[in-house]
Amino acid sequence: MTAEPKKFKFSFRINAQACMACAACELECRDEAVFIDDTVNYAINQENCKRCARCQRACPSGAVEKVMNA
């Protein structure tokens, strides 16, 4: 029996145009959810993310956005 992943009301994403690539979000994340993707931009692994908002609070440019899930 496989457990289904937890469903969250919201997620965080990183706006690549607003991101300064300062790594503040990556350093602040305790769940290893922030990474550099194939396009060499910071991104958030939604499976690892616990929705704690530490990355959003750490971001000096406001690039980490909270988005509601459908």
N, C-alpha and C. Protein backbone atom coordinates (compact mmCIF):
# COMPACT_ATOMS: atom_id res chain seq x y z
N MET A 1 0.84 -1.18 0.00
CA MET A 1 0.00 0.00 0.00
C MET A 1 0.89 1.24 0.00
N THR A 2 0.75 2.06 -1.00
CA THR A 2 1.58 3.25 -1.14
C THR A 2 0.85 4.46 -0.59
N ALA A 3 1.56 5.21 0.23
CA ALA A 3 0.97 6.43 0.79
C ALA A 3 0.97 7.53 -0.27
N GLU A 4 -0.14 8.24 -0.36
CA GLU A 4 -0.23 9.34 -1.32
C GLU A 4 0.51 10.55 -0.74
N PRO A 5 1.13 11.35 -1.62
CA PRO A 5 1.81 12.55 -1.12
C PRO A 5 0.81 13.51 -0.49
N LYS A 6 1.27 14.23 0.51
CA LYS A 6 0.41 15.19 1.19
C LYS A 6 0.00 16.30 0.23
N LYS A 7 -1.26 16.70 0.29
CA LYS A 7 -1.75 17.77 -0.57
C LYS A 7 -1.74 19.08 0.24
N PHE A 8 -1.15 20.10 -0.35
CA PHE A 8 -1.06 21.40 0.30
C PHE A 8 -1.97 22.40 -0.40
N LYS A 9 -2.46 23.38 0.33
CA LYS A 9 -3.32 24.41 -0.24
C LYS A 9 -2.52 25.39 -1.10
N PHE A 10 -1.22 25.50 -0.82
CA PHE A 10 -0.38 26.43 -1.56
C PHE A 10 1.00 25.83 -1.74
N SER A 11 1.76 26.44 -2.63
CA SER A 11 3.15 26.06 -2.88
C SER A 11 3.97 27.33 -3.04
N PHE A 12 5.27 27.16 -3.07
CA PHE A 12 6.17 28.27 -3.34
C PHE A 12 6.86 28.00 -4.65
N ARG A 13 7.13 29.06 -5.40
CA ARG A 13 7.90 28.95 -6.63
C ARG A 13 8.83 30.15 -6.71
N ILE A 14 9.87 30.00 -7.50
CA ILE A 14 10.85 31.07 -7.63
C ILE A 14 10.70 31.71 -9.00
N ASN A 15 10.45 33.01 -9.01
CA ASN A 15 10.33 33.78 -10.24
C ASN A 15 11.75 34.04 -10.75
N ALA A 16 12.14 33.38 -11.84
CA ALA A 16 13.50 33.47 -12.36
C ALA A 16 13.88 34.89 -12.75
N GLN A 17 12.92 35.70 -13.21
CA GLN A 17 13.23 37.07 -13.63
C GLN A 17 13.56 37.95 -12.42
N ALA A 18 12.96 37.67 -11.28
CA ALA A 18 13.20 38.47 -10.08
C ALA A 18 14.37 37.94 -9.25
N CYS A 19 14.77 36.71 -9.49
CA CYS A 19 15.82 36.06 -8.69
C CYS A 19 17.19 36.68 -8.96
N MET A 20 17.91 36.98 -7.88
CA MET A 20 19.26 37.54 -7.98
C MET A 20 20.34 36.45 -7.88
N ALA A 21 19.94 35.20 -7.73
CA ALA A 21 20.86 34.07 -7.59
C ALA A 21 21.82 34.26 -6.41
N CYS A 22 21.30 34.80 -5.30
CA CYS A 22 22.13 35.05 -4.13
C CYS A 22 22.25 33.83 -3.23
N ALA A 23 21.41 32.82 -3.45
CA ALA A 23 21.40 31.56 -2.70
C ALA A 23 20.85 31.68 -1.29
N ALA A 24 20.25 32.80 -0.92
CA ALA A 24 19.68 32.95 0.42
C ALA A 24 18.59 31.91 0.67
N CYS A 25 17.76 31.66 -0.33
CA CYS A 25 16.69 30.67 -0.17
C CYS A 25 17.25 29.26 0.02
N GLU A 26 18.26 28.93 -0.75
CA GLU A 26 18.87 27.60 -0.66
C GLU A 26 19.53 27.40 0.71
N LEU A 27 20.22 28.40 1.19
CA LEU A 27 20.88 28.32 2.49
C LEU A 27 19.88 28.22 3.64
N GLU A 28 18.73 28.85 3.48
CA GLU A 28 17.71 28.88 4.53
C GLU A 28 16.86 27.61 4.57
N CYS A 29 16.76 26.90 3.47
CA CYS A 29 15.90 25.72 3.38
C CYS A 29 16.49 24.56 4.17
N ARG A 30 15.70 24.03 5.10
CA ARG A 30 16.12 22.90 5.92
C ARG A 30 15.73 21.55 5.31
N ASP A 31 14.94 21.59 4.25
CA ASP A 31 14.41 20.36 3.67
C ASP A 31 15.07 20.00 2.35
N GLU A 32 16.12 20.72 1.98
CA GLU A 32 16.82 20.50 0.71
C GLU A 32 15.87 20.53 -0.48
N ALA A 33 14.92 21.47 -0.43
CA ALA A 33 13.94 21.60 -1.50
C ALA A 33 14.37 22.59 -2.58
N VAL A 34 15.27 23.50 -2.26
CA VAL A 34 15.71 24.50 -3.23
C VAL A 34 16.94 23.97 -3.96
N PHE A 35 16.91 24.06 -5.27
CA PHE A 35 18.01 23.54 -6.09
C PHE A 35 18.16 24.38 -7.34
N ILE A 36 19.24 24.14 -8.08
CA ILE A 36 19.44 24.81 -9.36
C ILE A 36 19.02 23.83 -10.45
N ASP A 37 18.04 24.24 -11.28
CA ASP A 37 17.48 23.34 -12.29
C ASP A 37 18.31 23.30 -13.57
N ASP A 38 17.81 22.59 -14.56
CA ASP A 38 18.53 22.41 -15.83
C ASP A 38 18.73 23.72 -16.60
N THR A 39 17.92 24.73 -16.32
CA THR A 39 18.06 26.01 -16.99
C THR A 39 18.96 26.96 -16.19
N VAL A 40 19.63 26.43 -15.18
CA VAL A 40 20.55 27.16 -14.31
C VAL A 40 19.83 28.29 -13.55
N ASN A 41 18.59 28.02 -13.16
CA ASN A 41 17.81 28.92 -12.31
C ASN A 41 17.49 28.18 -11.02
N TYR A 42 17.29 28.93 -9.95
CA TYR A 42 16.85 28.30 -8.70
C TYR A 42 15.40 27.84 -8.86
N ALA A 43 15.09 26.71 -8.24
CA ALA A 43 13.74 26.15 -8.29
C ALA A 43 13.46 25.45 -6.96
N ILE A 44 12.21 25.06 -6.76
CA ILE A 44 11.81 24.39 -5.52
C ILE A 44 11.24 23.03 -5.86
N ASN A 45 11.80 22.00 -5.25
CA ASN A 45 11.29 20.64 -5.40
C ASN A 45 10.05 20.52 -4.51
N GLN A 46 8.87 20.43 -5.13
CA GLN A 46 7.62 20.44 -4.38
C GLN A 46 7.45 19.21 -3.49
N GLU A 47 8.09 18.11 -3.85
CA GLU A 47 7.99 16.90 -3.02
C GLU A 47 8.75 17.05 -1.71
N ASN A 48 9.85 17.80 -1.71
CA ASN A 48 10.63 18.00 -0.49
C ASN A 48 10.14 19.18 0.34
N CYS A 49 9.51 20.14 -0.30
CA CYS A 49 9.08 21.38 0.36
C CYS A 49 8.02 21.11 1.42
N LYS A 50 8.24 21.66 2.62
CA LYS A 50 7.29 21.50 3.73
C LYS A 50 6.41 22.74 3.92
N ARG A 51 6.56 23.74 3.04
CA ARG A 51 5.76 24.99 3.05
C ARG A 51 5.99 25.80 4.33
N CYS A 52 7.23 25.84 4.79
CA CYS A 52 7.55 26.59 6.02
C CYS A 52 7.77 28.07 5.76
N ALA A 53 8.01 28.46 4.51
CA ALA A 53 8.19 29.86 4.07
C ALA A 53 9.53 30.47 4.48
N ARG A 54 10.46 29.68 4.96
CA ARG A 54 11.77 30.21 5.31
C ARG A 54 12.45 30.79 4.07
N CYS A 55 12.31 30.14 2.94
CA CYS A 55 12.92 30.63 1.70
C CYS A 55 12.32 31.97 1.30
N GLN A 56 11.02 32.10 1.44
CA GLN A 56 10.34 33.34 1.06
C GLN A 56 10.79 34.49 1.95
N ARG A 57 10.90 34.24 3.24
CA ARG A 57 11.33 35.29 4.17
C ARG A 57 12.79 35.67 3.94
N ALA A 58 13.62 34.73 3.50
CA ALA A 58 15.04 35.00 3.29
C ALA A 58 15.33 35.75 2.00
N CYS A 59 14.42 35.70 1.04
CA CYS A 59 14.68 36.26 -0.28
C CYS A 59 14.66 37.79 -0.26
N PRO A 60 15.81 38.43 -0.58
CA PRO A 60 15.86 39.89 -0.56
C PRO A 60 15.17 40.56 -1.75
N SER A 61 14.92 39.80 -2.82
CA SER A 61 14.32 40.41 -4.01
C SER A 61 12.84 40.06 -4.18
N GLY A 62 12.28 39.28 -3.27
CA GLY A 62 10.87 38.90 -3.38
C GLY A 62 10.59 37.91 -4.50
N ALA A 63 11.61 37.16 -4.91
CA ALA A 63 11.46 36.22 -6.04
C ALA A 63 10.71 34.95 -5.66
N VAL A 64 10.67 34.61 -4.37
CA VAL A 64 9.95 33.42 -3.93
C VAL A 64 8.49 33.80 -3.73
N GLU A 65 7.63 33.21 -4.56
CA GLU A 65 6.22 33.56 -4.57
C GLU A 65 5.37 32.43 -4.02
N LYS A 66 4.35 32.81 -3.26
CA LYS A 66 3.38 31.84 -2.74
C LYS A 66 2.25 31.75 -3.75
N VAL A 67 1.94 30.54 -4.21
CA VAL A 67 0.87 30.34 -5.19
C VAL A 67 -0.13 29.32 -4.66
N MET A 68 -1.39 29.58 -4.89
CA MET A 68 -2.44 28.65 -4.43
C MET A 68 -2.51 27.46 -5.38
N ASN A 69 -2.70 26.29 -4.82
CA ASN A 69 -2.84 25.07 -5.64
C ASN A 69 -4.29 24.88 -6.06
N ALA A 70 -4.49 24.30 -7.20
CA ALA A 70 -5.85 24.08 -7.72
C ALA A 70 -6.55 22.99 -6.96
